[in-house]
Protein backbone atom coordinates (compact mmCIF):
# COMPACT_ATOMS: atom_id res chain seq x y z
CA UNK A 1 -74.32 6.45 22.94
CA UNK A 2 -72.02 9.27 24.05
CA UNK A 3 -71.60 7.61 27.46
CA UNK A 4 -70.73 4.29 25.80
CA UNK A 5 -68.14 5.93 23.52
CA UNK A 6 -66.58 7.66 26.52
CA UNK A 7 -66.35 4.34 28.37
CA UNK A 8 -64.78 2.59 25.36
CA UNK A 9 -62.26 5.42 24.88
CA UNK A 10 -61.25 5.24 28.55
CA UNK A 11 -60.88 1.45 28.36
CA UNK A 12 -58.73 1.72 25.22
CA UNK A 13 -56.51 4.33 26.85
CA UNK A 14 -56.09 2.20 29.96
CA UNK A 15 -55.30 -0.89 27.87
CA UNK A 16 -52.72 1.00 25.78
CA UNK A 17 -51.12 2.38 28.92
CA UNK A 18 -51.04 -1.10 30.42
CA UNK A 19 -49.33 -2.54 27.35
CA UNK A 20 -46.80 0.31 27.39
CA UNK A 21 -46.01 -0.16 31.07
CA UNK A 22 -45.78 -3.95 30.73
CA UNK A 23 -43.42 -3.78 27.76
CA UNK A 24 -41.30 -1.13 29.43
CA UNK A 25 -41.03 -3.25 32.56
CA UNK A 26 -39.80 -6.29 30.65
CA UNK A 27 -37.26 -4.72 28.30
CA UNK A 28 -34.34 -2.89 29.86
CA UNK A 29 -31.16 -1.20 28.70
CA UNK A 30 -28.54 -3.79 27.75
CA UNK A 31 -25.16 -2.92 29.34
CA UNK A 32 -22.61 -2.88 26.54
CA UNK A 33 -25.39 -2.97 23.96
CA UNK A 34 -28.41 -0.95 22.84
CA UNK A 35 -30.59 0.97 25.29
CA UNK A 36 -34.35 1.38 25.25
CA UNK A 37 -35.28 4.42 23.12
CA UNK A 38 -31.57 5.16 22.63
CA UNK A 39 -30.87 8.41 20.78
CA UNK A 40 -27.18 8.99 21.39
CA UNK A 41 -24.10 6.80 20.89
CA UNK A 42 -23.59 3.74 23.07
CA UNK A 43 -21.55 4.52 26.22
CA UNK A 44 -17.86 4.44 25.31
CA UNK A 45 -15.72 1.57 26.58
CA UNK A 46 -12.50 2.64 24.80
CA UNK A 47 -10.53 5.86 24.47
CA UNK A 48 -11.09 5.86 20.71
CA UNK A 49 -14.86 5.73 21.21
CA UNK A 50 -14.63 8.66 23.64
CA UNK A 51 -12.65 10.65 21.05
CA UNK A 52 -15.27 9.83 18.41
CA UNK A 53 -18.07 11.04 20.69
CA UNK A 54 -16.22 14.29 21.42
CA UNK A 55 -15.51 14.78 17.73
CA UNK A 56 -19.18 14.24 16.88
CA UNK A 57 -20.40 16.91 19.29
CA UNK A 58 -17.58 19.27 18.29
CA UNK A 59 -18.65 19.00 14.63
CA UNK A 60 -22.31 19.31 15.60
CA UNK A 61 -21.54 22.49 17.55
CA UNK A 62 -19.71 24.07 14.60
CA UNK A 63 -22.50 23.13 12.19
CA UNK A 64 -25.14 24.47 14.60
CA UNK A 65 -23.34 27.82 14.89
CA UNK A 66 -22.99 28.08 11.10
CA UNK A 67 -26.68 27.19 10.70
CA UNK A 68 -27.81 29.84 13.19
CA UNK A 69 -25.57 32.57 11.79
CA UNK A 70 -26.33 31.92 8.09
CA UNK A 71 -30.07 31.47 8.47
CA UNK A 72 -30.28 34.22 11.08
CA UNK A 73 -28.72 36.74 8.68
CA UNK A 74 -30.81 35.44 5.80
CA UNK A 75 -34.16 35.67 7.61
CA UNK A 76 -33.24 39.01 9.17
CA UNK A 77 -32.45 40.40 5.71
CA UNK A 78 -35.66 39.00 4.27
CA UNK A 79 -37.80 40.55 6.99
CA UNK A 80 -35.94 43.84 7.32
CA UNK A 81 -35.60 44.59 3.60
CA UNK A 82 -38.81 43.16 2.20
CA UNK A 83 -40.63 44.98 -0.58
CA UNK A 84 -43.80 45.46 1.48
CA UNK A 85 -42.08 47.98 3.75
CA UNK A 86 -40.79 50.06 0.84
CA UNK A 87 -37.36 48.62 0.13
CA UNK A 88 -36.22 48.44 -3.45
CA UNK A 89 -33.70 46.06 -4.93
CA UNK A 90 -30.26 47.43 -5.69
CA UNK A 91 -26.89 46.22 -6.81
CA UNK A 92 -24.34 46.02 -4.03
CA UNK A 93 -20.67 46.61 -4.40
CA UNK A 94 -18.40 43.64 -3.83
CA UNK A 95 -15.38 44.97 -1.96
CA UNK A 96 -12.29 42.85 -1.73
CA UNK A 97 -12.77 42.21 2.00
CA UNK A 98 -16.06 40.43 1.25
CA UNK A 99 -14.42 38.21 -1.35
CA UNK A 100 -11.57 37.41 1.02
CA UNK A 101 -13.95 36.86 3.92
CA UNK A 102 -16.15 34.22 2.35
CA UNK A 103 -13.04 32.42 1.09
CA UNK A 104 -10.80 32.57 4.16
CA UNK A 105 -13.44 31.99 6.87
CA UNK A 106 -14.77 28.70 5.40
CA UNK A 107 -11.16 27.59 4.83
CA UNK A 108 -10.33 28.20 8.49
CA UNK A 109 -13.49 26.38 9.57
CA UNK A 110 -12.59 23.35 7.41
CA UNK A 111 -9.03 23.30 8.79
CA UNK A 112 -10.37 23.57 12.34
CA UNK A 113 -12.61 20.56 11.70
CA UNK A 114 -10.02 18.55 9.78
CA UNK A 115 -7.22 18.69 12.38
CA UNK A 116 -9.01 16.87 15.24
CA UNK A 117 -10.75 14.53 12.78
CA UNK A 118 -7.42 13.54 11.24
CA UNK A 119 -5.94 12.91 14.69
CA UNK A 120 -8.75 10.49 15.58
CA UNK A 121 -8.69 8.79 12.18
CA UNK A 122 -4.93 8.18 12.32
CA UNK A 123 -5.28 6.76 15.85
CA UNK A 124 -8.03 4.42 14.65
CA UNK A 125 -5.75 2.96 11.99
CA UNK A 126 -2.67 2.50 14.18
CA UNK A 127 -2.70 -1.27 14.80
CA UNK A 128 1.00 -1.50 15.72
CA UNK A 129 2.29 -2.91 19.03
CA UNK A 130 -0.81 -4.97 19.70
CA UNK A 131 -0.92 -7.44 22.59
CA UNK A 132 -3.30 -9.85 20.85
CA UNK A 133 -4.11 -10.40 17.19
CA UNK A 134 -7.41 -12.09 16.37
CA UNK A 135 -8.75 -12.87 12.92
CA UNK A 136 -12.51 -12.36 12.53
CA UNK A 137 -13.90 -14.17 9.50
CA UNK A 138 -17.42 -13.28 8.37
CA UNK A 139 -19.47 -16.03 6.82
CA UNK A 140 -23.12 -16.57 6.07
CA UNK A 141 -24.23 -16.16 8.81
CA UNK A 142 -21.81 -16.38 11.70
CA UNK A 143 -18.34 -15.24 12.78
CA UNK A 144 -15.21 -17.33 12.99
CA UNK A 145 -12.48 -16.24 15.43
CA UNK A 146 -8.84 -17.36 15.31
CA UNK A 147 -6.30 -16.17 17.90
CA UNK A 148 -3.16 -15.88 15.80
CA UNK A 149 -0.74 -13.92 18.02
CA UNK A 150 -0.32 -13.40 21.73
CA UNK A 151 -1.68 -15.31 24.71
CA UNK A 152 -4.18 -17.85 23.45
CA UNK A 153 -2.47 -18.32 20.10
CA UNK A 154 -3.97 -21.29 18.26
CA UNK A 155 -7.46 -21.02 19.73
CA UNK A 156 -10.23 -20.94 17.14
CA UNK A 157 -14.00 -21.29 17.20
CA UNK A 158 -17.25 -20.26 15.53
CA UNK A 159 -19.64 -17.76 17.11
CA UNK A 160 -23.28 -18.30 16.15
CA UNK A 161 -26.59 -16.80 17.23
CA UNK A 162 -28.00 -18.78 20.16
CA UNK A 163 -30.68 -21.11 18.84
CA UNK A 164 -33.23 -20.01 21.46
CA UNK A 165 -33.18 -16.50 19.97
CA UNK A 166 -33.57 -17.90 16.47
CA UNK A 167 -36.64 -19.82 17.64
CA UNK A 168 -38.04 -16.63 19.19
CA UNK A 169 -37.58 -14.85 15.86
CA UNK A 170 -39.17 -17.71 13.92
CA UNK A 171 -42.20 -17.64 16.21
CA UNK A 172 -43.22 -14.26 14.80
CA UNK A 173 -44.09 -13.05 18.31
CA UNK A 174 -40.89 -12.95 20.35
CA UNK A 175 -41.22 -12.06 24.04
CA UNK A 176 -39.56 -8.84 25.24
CA UNK A 177 -35.89 -9.76 25.72
CA UNK A 178 -33.07 -7.40 26.70
CA UNK A 179 -30.46 -9.06 24.45
CA UNK A 180 -32.82 -10.13 21.66
CA UNK A 181 -30.84 -11.49 18.66
CA UNK A 182 -27.55 -10.61 20.38
CA UNK A 183 -26.90 -13.79 22.38
CA UNK A 184 -24.28 -16.13 20.90
CA UNK A 185 -23.02 -19.58 21.78
CA UNK A 186 -19.32 -18.63 21.88
CA UNK A 187 -18.46 -14.98 22.65
CA UNK A 188 -15.09 -13.47 21.77
CA UNK A 189 -13.07 -13.24 25.00
CA UNK A 190 -10.32 -10.63 25.47
CA UNK A 191 -8.41 -9.19 28.45
CA UNK A 192 -9.10 -5.70 29.74
CA UNK A 193 -6.52 -2.97 29.13
CA UNK A 194 -4.78 -4.82 26.30
CA UNK A 195 -4.50 -3.62 22.71
CA UNK A 196 -6.48 -6.07 20.57
CA UNK A 197 -5.84 -6.09 16.83
CA UNK A 198 -8.76 -7.46 14.82
CA UNK A 199 -7.99 -8.72 11.31
CA UNK A 200 -11.15 -8.98 9.22
CA UNK A 201 -11.88 -11.03 6.13
CA UNK A 202 -14.77 -13.10 4.76
CA UNK A 203 -15.22 -16.36 2.91
CA UNK A 204 -18.38 -15.59 0.90
CA UNK A 205 -19.77 -12.02 0.71
CA UNK A 206 -18.92 -8.67 2.32
CA UNK A 207 -19.62 -8.44 6.05
CA UNK A 208 -18.65 -5.80 8.62
CA UNK A 209 -17.41 -6.27 12.20
CA UNK A 210 -18.89 -3.53 14.38
CA UNK A 211 -18.99 -2.97 18.14
CA UNK A 212 -20.35 0.55 18.89
CA UNK A 213 -19.04 0.72 22.47
CA UNK A 214 -15.50 0.22 21.14
CA UNK A 215 -15.86 2.73 18.30
CA UNK A 216 -14.98 -0.05 15.85
CA UNK A 217 -16.46 -0.84 12.43
CA UNK A 218 -14.38 -2.63 9.80
CA UNK A 219 -15.53 -4.28 6.58
CA UNK A 220 -14.73 -7.98 6.10
CA UNK A 221 -14.19 -8.52 2.37
CA UNK A 222 -13.58 -11.88 0.63
CA UNK A 223 -10.02 -12.10 -0.66
CA UNK A 224 -8.87 -9.03 1.31
CA UNK A 225 -7.43 -8.54 4.77
CA UNK A 226 -8.32 -5.39 6.71
CA UNK A 227 -7.56 -4.56 10.32
CA UNK A 228 -8.68 -2.41 13.21
CA UNK A 229 -8.09 -2.36 16.96
CA UNK A 230 -9.51 -1.55 20.35
CA UNK A 231 -8.40 -1.43 23.99
CA UNK A 232 -11.30 -1.95 26.38
CA UNK A 233 -10.99 0.21 29.49
CA UNK A 234 -13.43 -1.82 31.59
CA UNK A 235 -14.65 -5.39 31.94
CA UNK A 236 -18.09 -6.53 30.88
CA UNK A 237 -20.10 -7.75 27.91
CA UNK A 238 -20.24 -5.64 24.77
CA UNK A 239 -22.42 -6.24 21.74
CA UNK A 240 -22.46 -5.43 18.06
CA UNK A 241 -23.74 -6.81 14.77
CA UNK A 242 -22.71 -7.31 11.18
CA UNK A 243 -23.11 -3.84 9.66
CA UNK A 244 -23.06 -4.79 5.98
CA UNK A 245 -26.12 -6.27 4.27
CA UNK A 246 -24.91 -9.81 3.60
CA UNK A 247 -27.96 -11.90 2.69
CA UNK A 248 -31.30 -13.07 3.98
CA UNK A 249 -30.03 -13.79 7.51
CA UNK A 250 -28.03 -10.60 7.92
CA UNK A 251 -29.96 -9.86 11.13
CA UNK A 252 -28.71 -13.10 12.69
CA UNK A 253 -24.97 -12.24 12.84
CA UNK A 254 -24.48 -10.74 16.31
CA UNK A 255 -21.11 -9.97 17.86
CA UNK A 256 -20.55 -10.53 21.58
CA UNK A 257 -17.22 -9.52 23.11
CA UNK A 258 -16.59 -10.50 26.72
CA UNK A 259 -13.89 -8.36 28.35
CA UNK A 260 -12.39 -10.02 31.43
CA UNK A 261 -9.49 -9.47 33.83
CA UNK A 262 -6.02 -10.74 32.95
CA UNK A 263 -6.36 -13.61 35.43
CA UNK A 264 -9.76 -14.65 34.08
CA UNK A 265 -8.44 -14.49 30.54
CA UNK A 266 -5.49 -16.74 31.36
CA UNK A 267 -7.86 -19.25 32.95
CA UNK A 268 -10.15 -19.12 29.90
CA UNK A 269 -7.20 -19.74 27.57
CA UNK A 270 -6.24 -22.81 29.58
CA UNK A 271 -9.78 -24.18 29.41
CA UNK A 272 -10.00 -23.61 25.67
CA UNK A 273 -6.66 -25.27 24.98
CA UNK A 274 -7.67 -28.33 27.02
CA UNK A 275 -11.02 -28.52 25.20
CA UNK A 276 -9.34 -28.22 21.80
CA UNK A 277 -6.84 -30.94 22.66
CA UNK A 278 -9.66 -33.23 23.79
CA UNK A 279 -11.70 -32.53 20.66
CA UNK A 280 -8.82 -32.91 18.21
CA UNK A 281 -9.67 -35.61 15.71
CA UNK A 282 -7.51 -37.76 13.50
CA UNK A 283 -9.06 -37.52 10.01
CA UNK A 284 -7.71 -40.97 9.22
CA UNK A 285 -9.68 -42.54 12.08
CA UNK A 286 -12.41 -44.98 11.02
CA UNK A 287 -15.57 -44.41 13.05
CA UNK A 288 -18.37 -46.76 14.01
CA UNK A 289 -21.86 -45.75 12.90
CA UNK A 290 -23.30 -45.19 16.40
CA UNK A 291 -20.32 -43.06 17.50
CA UNK A 292 -20.44 -40.99 14.34
CA UNK A 293 -24.19 -40.36 14.66
CA UNK A 294 -23.74 -39.28 18.30
CA UNK A 295 -20.97 -36.88 17.33
CA UNK A 296 -23.02 -35.56 14.43
CA UNK A 297 -25.98 -34.77 16.67
CA UNK A 298 -23.97 -32.14 18.56
CA UNK A 299 -22.59 -30.66 15.32
CA UNK A 300 -26.12 -30.45 13.89
CA UNK A 301 -27.44 -28.75 17.04
CA UNK A 302 -24.67 -26.14 16.93
CA UNK A 303 -24.75 -25.32 13.21
CA UNK A 304 -27.75 -26.68 11.32
CA UNK A 305 -30.81 -26.75 13.57
CA UNK A 306 -31.54 -23.02 13.16
CA UNK A 307 -32.47 -23.48 9.50
CA UNK A 308 -33.34 -27.16 9.07
CA UNK A 309 -35.06 -27.46 12.48
CA UNK A 310 -34.65 -30.24 15.03
CA UNK A 311 -37.10 -32.45 13.09
CA UNK A 312 -35.20 -32.01 9.82
CA UNK A 313 -38.27 -30.60 8.06
CA UNK A 314 -36.81 -27.24 7.08
CA UNK A 315 -38.93 -24.10 6.84
CA UNK A 316 -40.04 -21.93 3.93
CA UNK A 317 -37.30 -21.95 1.27
CA UNK A 318 -35.08 -24.18 3.47
CA UNK A 319 -35.28 -27.68 2.04
CA UNK A 320 -36.01 -30.57 4.42
CA UNK A 321 -33.33 -33.13 5.22
CA UNK A 322 -35.86 -35.72 6.35
CA UNK A 323 -36.61 -37.83 3.28
CA UNK A 324 -34.26 -35.82 1.05
CA UNK A 325 -33.05 -37.73 -2.01
CA UNK A 326 -29.69 -35.99 -1.74
CA UNK A 327 -29.25 -37.07 1.88
CA UNK A 328 -30.31 -40.66 1.37
CA UNK A 329 -28.40 -41.16 -1.89
CA UNK A 330 -25.76 -43.89 -1.61
CA UNK A 331 -23.30 -41.63 -3.43
CA UNK A 332 -21.92 -39.67 -0.47
CA UNK A 333 -19.92 -37.45 -2.79
CA UNK A 334 -23.05 -35.52 -3.77
CA UNK A 335 -23.79 -34.43 -0.21
CA UNK A 336 -20.11 -33.79 0.56
CA UNK A 337 -19.93 -31.43 -2.43
CA UNK A 338 -22.92 -29.44 -1.16
CA UNK A 339 -21.45 -29.22 2.35
CA UNK A 340 -18.09 -27.99 1.07
CA UNK A 341 -19.30 -25.63 -1.65
CA UNK A 342 -22.86 -24.66 -0.71
CA UNK A 343 -25.87 -24.69 -3.01
CA UNK A 344 -28.91 -22.73 -4.19
CA UNK A 345 -26.97 -19.54 -4.81
CA UNK A 346 -25.84 -19.25 -1.20
CA UNK A 347 -29.13 -20.18 0.46
CA UNK A 348 -27.23 -23.25 1.63
CA UNK A 349 -23.83 -21.81 2.69
CA UNK A 350 -20.54 -23.65 2.38
CA UNK A 351 -19.27 -25.30 5.57
CA UNK A 352 -15.56 -25.64 4.79
CA UNK A 353 -14.77 -24.11 8.17
CA UNK A 354 -15.88 -27.29 9.95
CA UNK A 355 -13.31 -30.03 10.42
CA UNK A 356 -13.32 -33.18 8.29
CA UNK A 357 -14.64 -35.20 11.22
CA UNK A 358 -17.39 -32.68 12.00
CA UNK A 359 -18.58 -32.67 8.38
CA UNK A 360 -18.53 -36.46 8.18
CA UNK A 361 -20.38 -36.70 11.49
CA UNK A 362 -23.18 -34.28 10.64
CA UNK A 363 -23.76 -35.94 7.26
CA UNK A 364 -23.86 -39.37 8.89
CA UNK A 365 -26.31 -38.01 11.46
CA UNK A 366 -28.62 -36.68 8.73
CA UNK A 367 -28.45 -39.99 6.85
CA UNK A 368 -29.51 -41.99 9.91
CA UNK A 369 -31.99 -39.77 11.73
CA UNK A 370 -35.72 -39.07 11.46
CA UNK A 371 -37.08 -41.31 8.68
CA UNK A 372 -33.63 -41.54 7.08
CA UNK A 373 -32.55 -44.99 8.25
CA UNK A 374 -29.95 -45.60 5.56
CA UNK A 375 -27.24 -47.08 7.81
CA UNK A 376 -24.79 -45.24 5.55
CA UNK A 377 -21.70 -43.68 7.11
CA UNK A 378 -19.44 -40.90 5.85
CA UNK A 379 -15.88 -41.20 7.09
CA UNK A 380 -13.54 -38.20 7.61
CA UNK A 381 -11.25 -39.61 4.95
CA UNK A 382 -14.05 -39.15 2.40
CA UNK A 383 -14.18 -35.45 3.19
CA UNK A 384 -10.39 -35.15 3.09
CA UNK A 385 -10.38 -36.63 -0.41
CA UNK A 386 -13.14 -34.27 -1.58
CA UNK A 387 -11.27 -31.19 -0.36
CA UNK A 388 -8.32 -31.90 -2.65
């Protein structure tokens, strides 16, 4: 029996070691994002982040010295003057130098900590003289980016978690992946060495735009406009997440910032402007059913498939679209109202950020896909009328 137990224990140890080695071999540090077993801050990519790191260790050093001195004196006094070695309690005089000492010394320590902290804080809030201004709008559960000043002005897009990562999460047993739940379909692209002002707001609940490598975290509050800034000192991919609990899919709001050279950025701007011009739709255009369904398929894949699935069956609390009375109802206004205003207390978010044509297309797609063969079509003009 003892021999058998020894064999089993050795096998278990070997298996555990094998699992540890295998997992470690498959998951690596993510440049610009989290590292395996990370304990310290993410490597700084901006001067502000470097200042924050220095400030952290400066404060930690002061606190450590205070801790050692205070507790050292306390424990020394306890041991040296304990009753068991014959010491008796007595009242001590309180000379004026003691009173002044424990008032002035802490004051000087606080001032010494406040001066560098104030310098960094003021620098963090100085968003003047920016080269680019980008509005980041938090919404359940994605980010919308609008380039409103500087090179690329007029560009706008949504940034959503890549559907392959959502499927990995839904599986309940995701494979080891370096950028797990951080991959997006459209990253935010900015040029290196330029001051980027980020204006944050939200259209539903409070979110927070945070990229640790930049030393940036700014709340995005509905009805309010806040701002922050960063200047990336090197090119590469940098990752963050929504840092404010914003609902059941809070974990699916990654932030991916791609920092490129000035030449690459100019080329990207040109590509985006051409794509936007090609995709621009006239809301008064009357579409044919087949064309609208084809257009709606791409909109569904980009925005809806994560929750409602490719087969339209939904999952858990997510209601199915296949066979839905709301979807198949001849009164298109009912579905348009849900798309524009959301439903179920936010479980179905509002999609006002999509264009009139995109909304009409995705509704037409749902009405004529899977078992929903209604041959009904929603035109962009219907959505335009409902927005008023």
